[in-house]
Each structure stands twice: as C-alpha cells, then as structure tokens.
Amino acid sequence: MNTDADKLGFNVVVSATTSNPTNTNSNSPEKRIADTAEEVALFYKGIEVYIQNIAVDENGNLTGRVANFSNVCSTQYEGLKLGQALSFRYSHVQHVCSRS
C-alpha cells in the first residue's frame, strides 16, 4: 500500500532493512520507532521534514504530524503544512531522535 510519503515522492533509504508493513509485533522496526522516537526526519525535495506524534496505523505503516522543516522559515513547504498528518514507511526515515 502506498503511503502519503510514497505518493509525494519522499526519499527512501535504500539500505534500510526491508520490513513487512503488516507485522505490528514488538520486534518490528515500525513498532520500535513508534514506541521510542520523539521525532523522525524524512527527506523531501532537498530538506528534512521533522515528524512527531508517531504511531503505527492499521496497515502497519508509520504515521505522524509534520512538526518542522530544516532551513525553512515558513509554516509550509512544497505543499506540506505544519501539523499535517502524514503516513510513511520505515524506509523513509532518515534519522530518529529518541525520547530521553
């Protein structure tokens, strides 16, 4: 199933471990990120897009809300808006900021 990030053309990490998106057990990368990450960064059209409020949806994909953009002083960038809900896959995650 295509996520919002797939449809919009977000970059993917080619070396990311392939995950079964319907696998919602505690060992899946998606579940670990949802449980431990305060924020993740996705790469989109030359900038990092920071996502917070991360969860796993019924399809096993990650979801969250756009929290900020790197190097952009605006509430929107290329059709994305702060606060917008976004679904994405594990392979879209460029890096993770864990909860302290």
Protein backbone atom coordinates (compact mmCIF):
# COMPACT_ATOMS: atom_id res chain seq x y z
CA MET A 1 0.00 0.00 0.00
CA ASN A 2 1.30 3.44 -0.89
CA THR A 3 1.73 5.92 1.92
CA ASP A 4 1.48 9.70 1.72
CA ALA A 5 5.28 9.85 1.60
CA ASP A 6 5.33 7.46 -1.37
CA LYS A 7 2.74 9.50 -3.25
CA LEU A 8 4.58 12.79 -2.60
CA GLY A 9 8.00 11.39 -3.57
CA PHE A 10 9.89 11.45 -0.28
CA ASN A 11 13.38 9.94 -0.44
CA VAL A 12 13.88 6.38 0.79
CA VAL A 13 16.94 4.90 2.45
CA VAL A 14 17.96 2.17 0.04
CA SER A 15 19.99 0.34 2.70
CA ALA A 16 17.07 0.29 5.18
CA THR A 17 16.06 -3.14 6.38
CA THR A 18 13.07 -4.40 4.45
CA SER A 19 10.15 -4.65 6.82
CA ASN A 20 6.83 -6.38 6.45
CA PRO A 21 4.36 -3.47 6.95
CA THR A 22 1.66 -5.77 8.28
CA ASN A 23 3.98 -7.00 11.03
CA THR A 24 2.97 -4.98 14.09
CA ASN A 25 4.71 -7.13 16.68
CA SER A 26 7.07 -5.56 19.19
CA ASN A 27 10.15 -6.55 17.17
CA SER A 28 9.18 -4.66 14.00
CA PRO A 29 11.18 -1.52 13.19
CA GLU A 30 7.91 0.43 12.89
CA LYS A 31 6.78 -0.55 16.39
CA ARG A 32 10.20 0.26 17.88
CA ILE A 33 10.20 3.72 16.27
CA ALA A 34 6.63 4.45 17.39
CA ASP A 35 7.49 3.38 20.95
CA THR A 36 10.84 5.17 21.32
CA ALA A 37 11.06 8.09 18.90
CA GLU A 38 10.19 11.62 19.88
CA GLU A 39 10.78 12.74 16.31
CA VAL A 40 11.93 11.35 12.97
CA ALA A 41 13.33 13.14 9.95
CA LEU A 42 12.25 12.36 6.40
CA PHE A 43 13.98 13.87 3.35
CA TYR A 44 11.79 15.72 0.84
CA LYS A 45 12.84 17.93 -2.08
CA GLY A 46 16.16 18.91 -0.55
CA ILE A 47 15.14 19.43 3.08
CA GLU A 48 14.46 17.40 6.18
CA VAL A 49 10.85 17.23 7.32
CA TYR A 50 10.51 16.51 11.04
CA ILE A 51 7.62 14.29 12.12
CA GLN A 52 6.29 13.94 15.70
CA ASN A 53 3.38 12.07 17.37
CA ILE A 54 4.50 8.87 15.70
CA ALA A 55 2.27 5.78 15.71
CA VAL A 56 1.69 2.63 13.68
CA ASP A 57 -1.57 2.54 11.71
CA GLU A 58 -3.82 -0.45 11.00
CA ASN A 59 -1.81 -1.22 7.83
CA GLY A 60 1.49 -1.36 9.72
CA ASN A 61 2.73 1.95 8.32
CA LEU A 62 4.05 4.78 10.45
CA THR A 63 2.01 7.96 10.85
CA GLY A 64 2.70 11.30 12.44
CA ARG A 65 2.34 15.06 12.16
CA VAL A 66 4.66 17.48 10.39
CA ALA A 67 6.41 19.41 13.17
CA ASN A 68 9.10 21.43 11.39
CA PHE A 69 11.24 21.85 8.28
CA SER A 70 15.02 22.24 8.16
CA ASN A 71 16.28 25.57 6.82
CA VAL A 72 12.78 26.84 6.02
CA CYS A 73 11.22 29.70 7.96
CA SER A 74 7.64 29.02 6.98
CA THR A 75 4.59 27.07 8.08
CA GLN A 76 4.54 25.22 4.77
CA TYR A 77 6.92 23.84 2.15
CA GLU A 78 6.10 22.41 -1.29
CA GLY A 79 2.50 21.61 -0.33
CA LEU A 80 3.30 20.28 3.18
CA LYS A 81 1.98 22.21 6.17
CA LEU A 82 2.92 22.20 9.83
CA GLY A 83 0.51 19.95 11.73
CA GLN A 84 -0.41 17.94 8.63
CA ALA A 85 -0.89 14.20 9.16
CA LEU A 86 1.47 12.06 7.10
CA SER A 87 1.82 8.30 6.64
CA PHE A 88 5.22 6.88 5.75
CA ARG A 89 7.24 3.68 5.70
CA TYR A 90 10.24 2.65 7.79
CA SER A 91 12.47 3.12 4.72
CA HIS A 92 11.55 6.83 4.54
CA VAL A 93 13.10 7.52 7.97
CA GLN A 94 16.47 9.23 7.60
CA HIS A 95 17.18 9.50 11.33
CA VAL A 96 15.45 9.22 14.70
CA CYS A 97 15.54 11.42 17.81
CA SER A 98 14.73 9.13 20.75
CA ARG A 99 12.93 10.13 23.91
CA SER A 100 15.25 10.86 26.83
